[in-house]
């Protein structure tokens, strides 16, 4: 019996998946991008006070935990834990996001107005983000991870299908999360996890990224 063309393509894709996965993962180790002019960015909202069930907060994230000595909040640059971001025009970003829901009481978001007229939406805390794969592949929306000073100098380990594949050092600022390439290569069909630890090892951030049909799901956890 002749297999349908869709099945034949999926078999061919899975056959070549190992090599494609390794090639795609190389892009995750790109150097720091987008730090220049960070302090000059104008902050603002997107015309509402929530996306889905998430509240909007001031850029930089919610109030930080108190220090061990309880002398006051920990002073950090950037988010307390690495946070997924989406950058593009407001219309394109909203078109890509199918849904976002809180997985913990710390879930929230902020909107940063970029100098070129685009926006960057930063997602903080424990949450679930669902993206439209087709729109993500056609619209000029960039997915990145923003690293704050608490994780600067730490490391992130990348797993595919539960197997460790690579380790990257964490700089301060933005690093790419190339969802389009990872999706096209088939990595997200197997399931990818990005697991970051702070330099002293006391904090972690986990991103679980999977694909099902035309949907890409990101689970942001501690």
N, C-alpha and C. Protein backbone atom coordinates (compact mmCIF):
# COMPACT_ATOMS: atom_id res chain seq x y z
N UNK A 1 0.84 -1.20 0.00
CA UNK A 1 0.00 0.00 0.00
C UNK A 1 0.88 1.25 0.00
N UNK A 2 0.58 2.19 -0.83
CA UNK A 2 1.38 3.41 -0.93
C UNK A 2 1.04 4.36 0.20
N UNK A 3 2.11 4.83 0.90
CA UNK A 3 1.91 5.75 2.02
C UNK A 3 1.51 7.13 1.51
N UNK A 4 0.65 7.82 2.24
CA UNK A 4 0.33 9.20 1.88
C UNK A 4 1.58 10.06 1.90
N UNK A 5 1.56 11.11 1.08
CA UNK A 5 2.74 11.96 0.96
C UNK A 5 3.15 12.57 2.29
N UNK A 6 2.18 12.94 3.15
CA UNK A 6 2.50 13.54 4.44
C UNK A 6 3.27 12.56 5.31
N UNK A 7 2.87 11.28 5.29
CA UNK A 7 3.57 10.27 6.08
C UNK A 7 4.97 10.06 5.55
N UNK A 8 5.13 10.04 4.21
CA UNK A 8 6.47 9.85 3.63
C UNK A 8 7.39 10.99 4.02
N UNK A 9 6.85 12.22 4.02
CA UNK A 9 7.68 13.35 4.41
C UNK A 9 8.11 13.26 5.87
N UNK A 10 7.18 12.81 6.75
CA UNK A 10 7.50 12.71 8.16
C UNK A 10 8.58 11.63 8.38
N UNK A 11 8.49 10.51 7.70
CA UNK A 11 9.50 9.45 7.82
C UNK A 11 10.86 9.96 7.37
N UNK A 12 10.88 10.67 6.23
CA UNK A 12 12.14 11.23 5.75
C UNK A 12 12.72 12.23 6.72
N UNK A 13 11.85 13.05 7.30
CA UNK A 13 12.30 14.07 8.26
C UNK A 13 12.93 13.42 9.47
N UNK A 14 12.29 12.38 10.02
CA UNK A 14 12.80 11.73 11.21
C UNK A 14 14.11 11.01 10.92
N UNK A 15 14.28 10.51 9.70
CA UNK A 15 15.51 9.82 9.34
C UNK A 15 16.71 10.75 9.42
N UNK A 16 16.51 11.98 8.98
CA UNK A 16 17.62 12.94 8.96
C UNK A 16 17.65 13.83 10.19
N UNK A 17 16.86 13.51 11.21
CA UNK A 17 16.66 14.42 12.32
C UNK A 17 17.92 14.63 13.15
N UNK A 18 18.70 13.59 13.38
CA UNK A 18 19.85 13.71 14.25
C UNK A 18 20.83 14.76 13.75
N UNK A 19 21.17 14.70 12.47
CA UNK A 19 22.09 15.68 11.93
C UNK A 19 21.52 17.08 11.93
N UNK A 20 20.24 17.19 11.60
CA UNK A 20 19.60 18.50 11.58
C UNK A 20 19.52 19.10 12.98
N UNK A 21 19.26 18.26 13.97
CA UNK A 21 19.15 18.75 15.34
C UNK A 21 20.47 19.35 15.81
N UNK A 22 21.56 18.66 15.53
CA UNK A 22 22.86 19.17 15.96
C UNK A 22 23.18 20.49 15.29
N UNK A 23 22.83 20.60 14.00
CA UNK A 23 23.10 21.84 13.29
C UNK A 23 22.27 22.98 13.85
N UNK A 24 21.00 22.69 14.15
CA UNK A 24 20.13 23.74 14.68
C UNK A 24 20.57 24.20 16.06
N UNK A 25 21.05 23.26 16.87
CA UNK A 25 21.44 23.62 18.23
C UNK A 25 22.66 24.53 18.26
N UNK A 26 23.46 24.52 17.20
CA UNK A 26 24.61 25.42 17.16
C UNK A 26 24.18 26.88 17.23
N UNK A 27 23.01 27.17 16.67
CA UNK A 27 22.55 28.56 16.65
C UNK A 27 22.19 29.05 18.04
N UNK A 28 21.95 28.14 18.99
CA UNK A 28 21.60 28.55 20.34
C UNK A 28 22.80 29.05 21.13
N UNK A 29 24.00 28.85 20.60
CA UNK A 29 25.20 29.28 21.32
C UNK A 29 25.73 30.59 20.77
N UNK A 30 24.89 31.32 20.07
CA UNK A 30 25.30 32.61 19.52
C UNK A 30 25.70 33.56 20.64
N UNK A 31 26.54 34.53 20.31
CA UNK A 31 27.00 35.51 21.29
C UNK A 31 25.89 36.47 21.66
N UNK A 32 26.13 37.23 22.71
CA UNK A 32 25.18 38.22 23.19
C UNK A 32 24.81 39.20 22.08
N UNK A 33 23.50 39.47 21.94
CA UNK A 33 23.05 40.46 20.96
C UNK A 33 22.11 41.43 21.64
N UNK A 34 22.04 42.63 21.10
CA UNK A 34 21.03 43.58 21.52
C UNK A 34 21.30 44.32 22.81
N UNK A 35 22.56 44.31 23.34
CA UNK A 35 22.81 45.03 24.58
C UNK A 35 22.91 46.53 24.36
N UNK A 36 23.42 46.95 23.23
CA UNK A 36 23.67 48.37 23.00
C UNK A 36 22.40 49.18 23.15
N UNK A 37 22.47 50.25 23.91
CA UNK A 37 21.33 51.15 24.07
C UNK A 37 20.25 50.65 24.98
N UNK A 38 20.52 49.59 25.77
CA UNK A 38 19.49 49.03 26.64
C UNK A 38 18.95 50.07 27.61
N UNK A 39 19.84 50.92 28.15
CA UNK A 39 19.42 51.89 29.15
C UNK A 39 18.58 53.02 28.54
N UNK A 40 18.63 53.17 27.21
CA UNK A 40 17.92 54.27 26.57
C UNK A 40 16.53 53.88 26.07
N UNK A 41 16.14 52.62 26.30
CA UNK A 41 14.84 52.15 25.82
C UNK A 41 13.71 52.85 26.57
N UNK A 42 12.67 53.22 25.83
CA UNK A 42 11.50 53.83 26.44
C UNK A 42 10.53 52.74 26.85
N UNK A 43 9.94 52.87 28.02
CA UNK A 43 9.01 51.88 28.51
C UNK A 43 7.58 52.33 28.26
N UNK A 44 6.69 51.34 28.04
CA UNK A 44 5.30 51.69 27.84
C UNK A 44 4.44 50.47 27.71
N UNK A 45 3.12 50.67 27.64
CA UNK A 45 2.18 49.56 27.54
C UNK A 45 1.75 49.33 26.11
N UNK A 46 0.85 48.38 25.94
CA UNK A 46 0.39 48.01 24.60
C UNK A 46 -1.10 48.27 24.44
N UNK A 47 -1.66 49.17 25.25
CA UNK A 47 -3.06 49.51 25.09
C UNK A 47 -3.98 48.71 25.98
N UNK A 48 -3.42 47.94 26.94
CA UNK A 48 -4.24 47.18 27.87
C UNK A 48 -3.41 46.82 29.07
N UNK A 49 -4.04 46.19 30.07
CA UNK A 49 -3.30 45.85 31.27
C UNK A 49 -3.14 44.36 31.45
N UNK A 50 -3.42 43.57 30.44
CA UNK A 50 -3.22 42.13 30.55
C UNK A 50 -3.11 41.51 29.17
N UNK A 51 -2.38 40.38 29.12
CA UNK A 51 -2.37 39.49 27.96
C UNK A 51 -2.85 38.15 28.49
N UNK A 52 -3.98 37.67 27.98
CA UNK A 52 -4.56 36.47 28.54
C UNK A 52 -4.89 36.71 30.01
N UNK A 53 -4.37 35.86 30.87
CA UNK A 53 -4.62 36.01 32.30
C UNK A 53 -3.47 36.68 33.03
N UNK A 54 -2.46 37.16 32.29
CA UNK A 54 -1.28 37.73 32.91
C UNK A 54 -1.42 39.23 33.13
N UNK A 55 -1.04 39.73 34.29
CA UNK A 55 -1.03 41.19 34.51
C UNK A 55 0.20 41.82 33.90
N UNK A 56 0.12 43.09 33.57
CA UNK A 56 1.27 43.82 33.06
C UNK A 56 1.95 44.52 34.23
N UNK A 57 3.29 44.48 34.23
CA UNK A 57 4.07 45.15 35.27
C UNK A 57 5.07 46.08 34.61
N UNK A 58 5.78 46.84 35.42
CA UNK A 58 6.81 47.71 34.88
C UNK A 58 7.92 46.88 34.28
N UNK A 59 8.52 47.32 33.16
CA UNK A 59 9.63 46.57 32.57
C UNK A 59 10.71 46.29 33.60
N UNK A 60 11.27 45.08 33.55
CA UNK A 60 12.25 44.66 34.53
C UNK A 60 11.70 43.57 35.43
N UNK A 61 10.38 43.36 35.39
CA UNK A 61 9.80 42.26 36.13
C UNK A 61 9.18 42.70 37.44
N UNK A 62 8.55 41.75 38.15
CA UNK A 62 7.90 42.05 39.42
C UNK A 62 8.93 42.30 40.51
N UNK A 63 8.47 42.66 41.70
CA UNK A 63 9.37 42.88 42.82
C UNK A 63 10.20 41.63 43.08
N UNK A 64 11.49 41.83 43.39
CA UNK A 64 12.40 40.71 43.57
C UNK A 64 12.31 40.17 44.99
N UNK A 65 12.68 38.89 45.18
CA UNK A 65 12.68 38.31 46.53
C UNK A 65 13.65 39.06 47.43
N UNK A 66 13.37 39.01 48.73
CA UNK A 66 14.27 39.65 49.66
C UNK A 66 15.53 38.83 49.82
N UNK A 67 16.62 39.51 50.18
CA UNK A 67 17.89 38.83 50.38
C UNK A 67 17.84 37.99 51.64
N UNK A 68 18.85 37.12 51.80
CA UNK A 68 18.89 36.21 52.94
C UNK A 68 18.97 36.98 54.25
N UNK A 69 19.59 38.16 54.23
CA UNK A 69 19.72 38.95 55.45
C UNK A 69 18.48 39.79 55.73
N UNK A 70 17.52 39.79 54.79
CA UNK A 70 16.27 40.54 54.92
C UNK A 70 16.52 42.04 55.10
N UNK A 71 17.59 42.53 54.52
CA UNK A 71 17.89 43.96 54.61
C UNK A 71 17.22 44.73 53.49
N UNK A 72 16.58 44.06 52.58
CA UNK A 72 15.93 44.73 51.47
C UNK A 72 15.96 43.87 50.24
N UNK A 73 15.30 44.31 49.18
CA UNK A 73 15.27 43.51 47.95
C UNK A 73 16.64 43.42 47.29
N UNK A 74 16.86 42.30 46.62
CA UNK A 74 18.10 42.10 45.89
C UNK A 74 18.10 43.04 44.69
N UNK A 75 19.17 43.79 44.52
CA UNK A 75 19.27 44.70 43.40
C UNK A 75 19.83 43.95 42.19
N UNK A 76 19.06 43.90 41.12
CA UNK A 76 19.49 43.17 39.93
C UNK A 76 19.34 44.06 38.70
N UNK A 77 20.06 43.68 37.65
CA UNK A 77 19.90 44.29 36.34
C UNK A 77 19.19 43.26 35.47
N UNK A 78 18.05 43.62 34.90
CA UNK A 78 17.30 42.67 34.11
C UNK A 78 16.43 41.78 34.98
N UNK A 79 15.78 40.80 34.38
CA UNK A 79 14.87 39.93 35.14
C UNK A 79 15.62 39.08 36.16
N UNK A 80 14.94 38.75 37.26
CA UNK A 80 15.56 37.95 38.31
C UNK A 80 15.92 36.56 37.79
N UNK A 81 15.07 35.98 36.95
CA UNK A 81 15.36 34.72 36.27
C UNK A 81 15.24 34.95 34.76
N UNK A 82 15.99 34.17 33.95
CA UNK A 82 15.88 34.32 32.49
C UNK A 82 14.43 34.26 32.03
N UNK A 83 14.08 35.12 31.07
CA UNK A 83 12.70 35.26 30.64
C UNK A 83 12.60 35.24 29.13
N UNK A 84 11.60 34.54 28.62
CA UNK A 84 11.33 34.50 27.19
C UNK A 84 10.82 35.85 26.73
N UNK A 85 11.27 36.31 25.57
CA UNK A 85 10.80 37.57 25.00
C UNK A 85 10.42 37.37 23.54
N UNK A 86 9.49 38.19 23.06
CA UNK A 86 9.10 38.24 21.66
C UNK A 86 9.23 39.67 21.18
N UNK A 87 9.93 39.89 20.07
CA UNK A 87 10.14 41.23 19.55
C UNK A 87 9.65 41.34 18.12
N UNK A 88 8.97 42.43 17.82
CA UNK A 88 8.44 42.69 16.49
C UNK A 88 7.45 43.83 16.59
N UNK A 89 6.70 44.06 15.51
CA UNK A 89 5.64 45.06 15.61
C UNK A 89 4.57 44.53 16.55
N UNK A 90 3.80 45.44 17.15
CA UNK A 90 2.76 45.03 18.10
C UNK A 90 1.77 44.08 17.43
N UNK A 91 1.40 44.38 16.19
CA UNK A 91 0.43 43.54 15.48
C UNK A 91 0.99 42.14 15.23
N UNK A 92 2.27 42.06 14.85
CA UNK A 92 2.86 40.76 14.56
C UNK A 92 3.03 39.91 15.82
N UNK A 93 3.44 40.54 16.91
CA UNK A 93 3.61 39.80 18.16
C UNK A 93 2.27 39.24 18.63
N UNK A 94 1.23 40.06 18.58
CA UNK A 94 -0.09 39.61 19.00
C UNK A 94 -0.62 38.51 18.07
N UNK A 95 -0.26 38.57 16.79
CA UNK A 95 -0.71 37.55 15.85
C UNK A 95 -0.05 36.21 16.12
N UNK A 96 1.19 36.23 16.59
CA UNK A 96 1.94 35.00 16.84
C UNK A 96 1.47 34.31 18.10
N UNK A 97 1.08 35.09 19.13
CA UNK A 97 0.69 34.53 20.42
C UNK A 97 -0.76 34.02 20.35
N UNK A 98 -0.93 32.71 20.51
CA UNK A 98 -2.27 32.13 20.54
C UNK A 98 -2.87 32.21 21.94
N UNK A 99 -2.06 31.94 22.94
CA UNK A 99 -2.53 32.04 24.32
C UNK A 99 -1.35 32.08 25.27
N UNK A 100 -1.57 32.63 26.43
CA UNK A 100 -0.58 32.61 27.50
C UNK A 100 -1.34 32.52 28.81
N UNK A 101 -0.88 31.64 29.70
CA UNK A 101 -1.58 31.44 30.96
C UNK A 101 -0.58 31.26 32.09
N UNK A 102 -0.97 31.67 33.27
CA UNK A 102 -0.11 31.58 34.44
C UNK A 102 -0.02 30.15 34.94
N UNK A 103 1.20 29.75 35.30
CA UNK A 103 1.42 28.46 35.96
C UNK A 103 1.90 28.68 37.39
N UNK A 104 1.88 29.94 37.84
CA UNK A 104 2.29 30.30 39.18
C UNK A 104 1.90 31.74 39.45
N UNK A 105 1.88 32.16 40.71
CA UNK A 105 1.44 33.52 41.05
C UNK A 105 2.41 34.60 40.60
N UNK A 106 3.61 34.25 40.18
CA UNK A 106 4.61 35.23 39.75
C UNK A 106 4.53 35.55 38.27
N UNK A 107 3.62 34.93 37.53
CA UNK A 107 3.53 35.13 36.09
C UNK A 107 3.03 36.53 35.76
N UNK A 108 3.72 37.21 34.86
CA UNK A 108 3.32 38.55 34.42
C UNK A 108 4.13 38.89 33.17
N UNK A 109 3.91 40.07 32.64
CA UNK A 109 4.65 40.47 31.45
C UNK A 109 4.89 41.97 31.46
N UNK A 110 5.82 42.41 30.62
CA UNK A 110 6.09 43.84 30.44
C UNK A 110 6.29 44.10 28.96
N UNK A 111 5.99 45.31 28.54
CA UNK A 111 6.18 45.73 27.15
C UNK A 111 7.26 46.81 27.10
N UNK A 112 8.27 46.58 26.27
CA UNK A 112 9.37 47.54 26.10
C UNK A 112 9.27 48.12 24.70
N UNK A 113 9.22 49.45 24.59
CA UNK A 113 9.21 50.12 23.30
C UNK A 113 10.64 50.25 22.79
N UNK A 114 10.94 49.63 21.67
CA UNK A 114 12.28 49.67 21.10
C UNK A 114 12.46 50.92 20.24
N UNK A 115 13.70 51.39 20.10
CA UNK A 115 13.94 52.63 19.36
C UNK A 115 13.50 52.59 17.90
N UNK A 116 13.41 51.40 17.31
CA UNK A 116 13.06 51.31 15.89
C UNK A 116 11.55 51.22 15.66
N UNK A 117 10.77 51.44 16.71
CA UNK A 117 9.31 51.41 16.56
C UNK A 117 8.67 50.08 16.88
N UNK A 118 9.48 49.03 17.03
CA UNK A 118 8.95 47.73 17.41
C UNK A 118 8.76 47.68 18.92
N UNK A 119 8.21 46.59 19.41
CA UNK A 119 8.11 46.35 20.84
C UNK A 119 8.77 45.03 21.19
N UNK A 120 9.13 44.90 22.45
CA UNK A 120 9.58 43.61 22.97
C UNK A 120 8.70 43.27 24.17
N UNK A 121 8.02 42.13 24.10
CA UNK A 121 7.21 41.66 25.21
C UNK A 121 8.03 40.66 26.01
N UNK A 122 8.20 40.92 27.30
CA UNK A 122 8.99 40.06 28.17
C UNK A 122 8.06 39.32 29.11
N UNK A 123 8.19 38.00 29.16
CA UNK A 123 7.32 37.15 29.97
C UNK A 123 8.09 36.66 31.19
N UNK A 124 7.57 36.98 32.38
CA UNK A 124 8.24 36.64 33.63
C UNK A 124 7.47 35.56 34.38
N UNK A 125 8.21 34.84 35.22
CA UNK A 125 7.57 33.88 36.12
C UNK A 125 7.21 32.57 35.46
N UNK A 126 6.43 31.78 36.17
CA UNK A 126 6.03 30.46 35.69
C UNK A 126 4.76 30.61 34.84
N UNK A 127 4.87 30.23 33.58
CA UNK A 127 3.75 30.43 32.67
C UNK A 127 3.84 29.47 31.49
N UNK A 128 2.75 29.40 30.75
CA UNK A 128 2.66 28.59 29.53
C UNK A 128 2.33 29.51 28.36
N UNK A 129 3.16 29.45 27.34
CA UNK A 129 3.01 30.32 26.17
C UNK A 129 2.79 29.44 24.94
N UNK A 130 1.74 29.72 24.20
CA UNK A 130 1.40 28.94 23.00
C UNK A 130 1.50 29.86 21.79
N UNK A 131 2.31 29.44 20.80
CA UNK A 131 2.57 30.25 19.62
C UNK A 131 2.08 29.57 18.36
N UNK A 132 1.71 30.38 17.38
CA UNK A 132 1.31 29.88 16.07
C UNK A 132 2.56 29.65 15.23
N UNK A 133 2.85 28.40 14.94
CA UNK A 133 4.07 28.06 14.20
C UNK A 133 4.09 28.66 12.81
N UNK A 134 2.99 28.62 12.11
CA UNK A 134 2.94 29.13 10.74
C UNK A 134 3.19 30.64 10.69
N UNK A 135 2.56 31.37 11.59
CA UNK A 135 2.76 32.82 11.63
C UNK A 135 4.18 33.16 12.08
N UNK A 136 4.71 32.36 13.00
CA UNK A 136 6.07 32.60 13.47
C UNK A 136 7.08 32.44 12.35
N UNK A 137 6.78 31.55 11.40
CA UNK A 137 7.71 31.31 10.30
C UNK A 137 7.59 32.35 9.19
N UNK A 138 6.50 33.13 9.18
CA UNK A 138 6.30 34.10 8.10
C UNK A 138 6.38 35.55 8.55
N UNK A 139 6.14 35.80 9.84
CA UNK A 139 6.17 37.17 10.35
C UNK A 139 7.53 37.49 10.97
N UNK A 140 7.98 38.74 10.88
CA UNK A 140 9.29 39.12 11.44
C UNK A 140 9.23 39.30 12.96
N UNK A 141 9.07 38.19 13.67
CA UNK A 141 9.04 38.19 15.13
C UNK A 141 10.22 37.37 15.63
N UNK A 142 11.03 37.95 16.50
CA UNK A 142 12.20 37.27 17.04
C UNK A 142 11.91 36.81 18.46
N UNK A 143 12.26 35.55 18.74
CA UNK A 143 12.15 35.03 20.10
C UNK A 143 13.55 35.00 20.71
N UNK A 144 13.68 35.54 21.90
CA UNK A 144 14.96 35.59 22.60
C UNK A 144 14.74 35.26 24.07
N UNK A 145 15.85 35.08 24.77
CA UNK A 145 15.82 34.89 26.22
C UNK A 145 16.62 36.03 26.84
N UNK A 146 16.01 36.74 27.77
CA UNK A 146 16.72 37.84 28.42
C UNK A 146 17.34 37.35 29.72
N UNK A 147 18.65 37.57 29.85
CA UNK A 147 19.42 37.14 31.01
C UNK A 147 19.70 38.35 31.89
N UNK A 148 19.36 38.25 33.18
CA UNK A 148 19.65 39.30 34.13
C UNK A 148 20.96 39.05 34.86
N UNK A 149 21.33 39.99 35.73
CA UNK A 149 22.62 39.90 36.41
C UNK A 149 22.70 38.73 37.38
N UNK A 150 21.56 38.22 37.86
CA UNK A 150 21.59 37.08 38.77
C UNK A 150 22.06 35.80 38.09
N UNK A 151 21.89 35.70 36.76
CA UNK A 151 22.34 34.52 36.02
C UNK A 151 23.56 34.81 35.14
N UNK A 152 24.02 36.05 35.12
CA UNK A 152 25.22 36.38 34.34
C UNK A 152 26.41 35.57 34.86
N UNK A 153 27.10 34.89 33.95
CA UNK A 153 28.21 34.04 34.34
C UNK A 153 27.80 32.62 34.67
N UNK A 154 26.50 32.34 34.66
CA UNK A 154 26.02 30.98 34.85
C UNK A 154 26.06 30.20 33.55
N UNK A 155 25.43 29.06 33.52
CA UNK A 155 25.42 28.21 32.33
C UNK A 155 24.02 27.69 32.06
N UNK A 156 23.78 27.33 30.81
CA UNK A 156 22.53 26.68 30.42
C UNK A 156 22.87 25.41 29.66
N UNK A 157 22.20 24.33 30.01
CA UNK A 157 22.39 23.06 29.32
C UNK A 157 21.16 22.80 28.45
N UNK A 158 21.40 22.31 27.24
CA UNK A 158 20.33 22.07 26.28
C UNK A 158 20.13 20.56 26.12
N UNK A 159 18.87 20.13 26.26
CA UNK A 159 18.53 18.72 26.11
C UNK A 159 17.56 18.58 24.93
N UNK A 160 17.71 17.52 24.16
CA UNK A 160 16.78 17.18 23.08
C UNK A 160 16.34 15.74 23.30
N UNK A 161 15.04 15.51 23.38
CA UNK A 161 14.49 14.19 23.66
C UNK A 161 15.08 13.62 24.95
N UNK A 162 15.35 14.51 25.92
CA UNK A 162 15.87 14.07 27.21
C UNK A 162 17.36 13.84 27.26
N UNK A 163 18.05 13.98 26.11
CA UNK A 163 19.48 13.74 26.04
C UNK A 163 20.24 15.06 26.03
N UNK A 164 21.30 15.21 26.87
CA UNK A 164 22.08 16.46 26.86
C UNK A 164 22.81 16.63 25.53
N UNK A 165 22.76 17.84 24.99
CA UNK A 165 23.38 18.10 23.70
C UNK A 165 24.48 19.17 23.75
N UNK A 166 24.27 20.22 24.51
CA UNK A 166 25.28 21.28 24.55
C UNK A 166 25.13 22.12 25.80
N UNK A 167 26.17 22.89 26.10
CA UNK A 167 26.18 23.81 27.24
C UNK A 167 26.60 25.18 26.72
N UNK A 168 25.95 26.23 27.20
CA UNK A 168 26.31 27.58 26.80
C UNK A 168 26.49 28.47 28.02
N UNK A 169 27.45 29.39 27.94
CA UNK A 169 27.66 30.38 28.99
C UNK A 169 26.61 31.47 28.86
N UNK A 170 26.21 32.05 29.98
CA UNK A 170 25.15 33.04 29.99
C UNK A 170 25.73 34.44 30.19
N UNK A 171 25.60 35.31 29.20
CA UNK A 171 26.01 36.71 29.34
C UNK A 171 24.84 37.54 29.86
N UNK A 172 25.09 38.79 30.11
CA UNK A 172 24.03 39.72 30.50
C UNK A 172 23.39 40.28 29.23
N UNK A 173 22.08 40.17 29.12
CA UNK A 173 21.40 40.72 27.95
C UNK A 173 20.52 39.70 27.25
N UNK A 174 20.50 39.73 25.94
CA UNK A 174 19.61 38.90 25.14
C UNK A 174 20.39 37.83 24.37
N UNK A 175 19.89 36.61 24.40
CA UNK A 175 20.45 35.55 23.58
C UNK A 175 19.31 34.98 22.72
N UNK A 176 19.63 34.50 21.53
CA UNK A 176 18.56 34.04 20.63
C UNK A 176 17.97 32.70 21.04
N UNK A 177 16.68 32.56 20.82
CA UNK A 177 15.98 31.29 20.91
C UNK A 177 15.31 31.08 19.55
N UNK A 178 16.05 30.51 18.58
CA UNK A 178 15.57 30.47 17.18
C UNK A 178 14.50 29.41 16.96
N UNK A 179 13.28 29.71 17.38
CA UNK A 179 12.20 28.74 17.29
C UNK A 179 11.92 28.32 15.86
N UNK A 180 12.02 29.28 14.91
CA UNK A 180 11.74 28.92 13.52
C UNK A 180 12.68 27.83 13.03
N UNK A 181 13.99 27.99 13.27
CA UNK A 181 14.96 27.01 12.81
C UNK A 181 14.80 25.68 13.54
N UNK A 182 14.57 25.75 14.85
CA UNK A 182 14.40 24.53 15.63
C UNK A 182 13.16 23.77 15.20
N UNK A 183 12.12 24.50 14.85
CA UNK A 183 10.89 23.85 14.36
C UNK A 183 11.11 23.22 13.00
N UNK A 184 11.74 23.97 12.10
CA UNK A 184 11.96 23.44 10.75
C UNK A 184 12.88 22.22 10.74
N UNK A 185 13.81 22.15 11.68
CA UNK A 185 14.76 21.03 11.73
C UNK A 185 14.15 19.78 12.36
N UNK A 186 13.03 19.93 13.04
CA UNK A 186 12.41 18.79 13.70
C UNK A 186 12.78 18.62 15.16
N UNK A 187 13.63 19.49 15.68
CA UNK A 187 14.05 19.39 17.07
C UNK A 187 12.86 19.48 18.02
N UNK A 188 11.94 20.39 17.75
CA UNK A 188 10.83 20.60 18.67
C UNK A 188 9.83 19.45 18.66
N UNK A 189 9.84 18.64 17.59
CA UNK A 189 8.99 17.45 17.58
C UNK A 189 9.47 16.44 18.62
N UNK A 190 10.77 16.43 18.87
CA UNK A 190 11.34 15.54 19.88
C UNK A 190 11.21 16.11 21.28
N UNK A 191 11.12 17.43 21.37
CA UNK A 191 11.06 18.09 22.66
C UNK A 191 12.42 18.61 23.07
N UNK A 192 12.50 19.91 23.36
CA UNK A 192 13.75 20.53 23.77
C UNK A 192 13.58 21.17 25.14
N UNK A 193 14.62 21.04 25.96
CA UNK A 193 14.63 21.71 27.26
C UNK A 193 15.88 22.55 27.40
N UNK A 194 15.70 23.79 27.83
CA UNK A 194 16.79 24.73 28.10
C UNK A 194 16.82 24.92 29.60
N UNK A 195 17.89 24.47 30.26
CA UNK A 195 17.95 24.46 31.72
C UNK A 195 19.11 25.31 32.18
N UNK A 196 18.81 26.46 32.79
CA UNK A 196 19.84 27.41 33.19
C UNK A 196 20.03 27.40 34.70
N UNK A 197 21.28 27.64 35.12
CA UNK A 197 21.61 27.76 36.54
C UNK A 197 22.42 29.03 36.75
N UNK A 198 22.17 29.67 37.90
CA UNK A 198 22.93 30.86 38.27
C UNK A 198 24.36 30.44 38.61
N UNK A 199 25.31 31.40 38.65
CA UNK A 199 26.72 31.05 38.91
C UNK A 199 26.93 30.25 40.19
N UNK A 200 26.21 30.59 41.25
CA UNK A 200 26.39 29.87 42.52
C UNK A 200 25.54 28.61 42.60
N UNK A 201 24.66 28.40 41.60
CA UNK A 201 23.87 27.19 41.54
C UNK A 201 22.61 27.19 42.37
N UNK A 202 22.27 28.31 43.01
CA UNK A 202 21.10 28.34 43.89
C UNK A 202 19.80 28.63 43.16
N UNK A 203 19.87 29.17 41.93
CA UNK A 203 18.69 29.50 41.15
C UNK A 203 18.71 28.75 39.84
N UNK A 204 17.53 28.42 39.33
CA UNK A 204 17.46 27.81 38.01
C UNK A 204 16.24 28.32 37.26
N UNK A 205 16.30 28.19 35.95
CA UNK A 205 15.17 28.48 35.07
C UNK A 205 15.13 27.39 34.02
N UNK A 206 13.94 26.85 33.80
CA UNK A 206 13.76 25.77 32.84
C UNK A 206 12.75 26.21 31.79
N UNK A 207 13.10 26.03 30.53
CA UNK A 207 12.18 26.23 29.41
C UNK A 207 11.97 24.90 28.71
N UNK A 208 10.73 24.42 28.69
CA UNK A 208 10.38 23.23 27.93
C UNK A 208 9.68 23.67 26.66
N UNK A 209 10.23 23.29 25.51
CA UNK A 209 9.69 23.74 24.23
C UNK A 209 9.33 22.52 23.38
N UNK A 210 8.08 22.44 22.95
CA UNK A 210 7.61 21.33 22.14
C UNK A 210 6.76 21.85 20.99
N UNK A 211 6.56 20.99 20.02
CA UNK A 211 5.72 21.32 18.86
C UNK A 211 4.71 20.23 18.62
N UNK A 212 3.47 20.63 18.35
CA UNK A 212 2.42 19.69 18.00
C UNK A 212 1.61 20.30 16.87
N UNK A 213 1.73 19.74 15.68
CA UNK A 213 1.05 20.30 14.53
C UNK A 213 1.55 21.70 14.25
N UNK A 214 0.63 22.66 14.19
CA UNK A 214 0.99 24.05 13.90
C UNK A 214 1.14 24.90 15.16
N UNK A 215 1.35 24.24 16.30
CA UNK A 215 1.44 24.94 17.57
C UNK A 215 2.78 24.67 18.24
N UNK A 216 3.40 25.72 18.76
CA UNK A 216 4.63 25.60 19.54
C UNK A 216 4.30 26.02 20.97
N UNK A 217 4.66 25.17 21.92
CA UNK A 217 4.38 25.43 23.32
C UNK A 217 5.67 25.65 24.10
N UNK A 218 5.69 26.70 24.91
CA UNK A 218 6.80 26.98 25.80
C UNK A 218 6.30 26.97 27.24
N UNK A 219 6.90 26.14 28.06
CA UNK A 219 6.61 26.11 29.49
C UNK A 219 7.80 26.74 30.21
N UNK A 220 7.57 27.85 30.90
CA UNK A 220 8.62 28.53 31.64
C UNK A 220 8.45 28.19 33.12
N UNK A 221 9.46 27.54 33.68
CA UNK A 221 9.37 27.05 35.06
C UNK A 221 10.65 27.41 35.83
N UNK A 222 10.57 27.28 37.17
CA UNK A 222 11.73 27.47 38.02
C UNK A 222 12.42 26.11 38.22
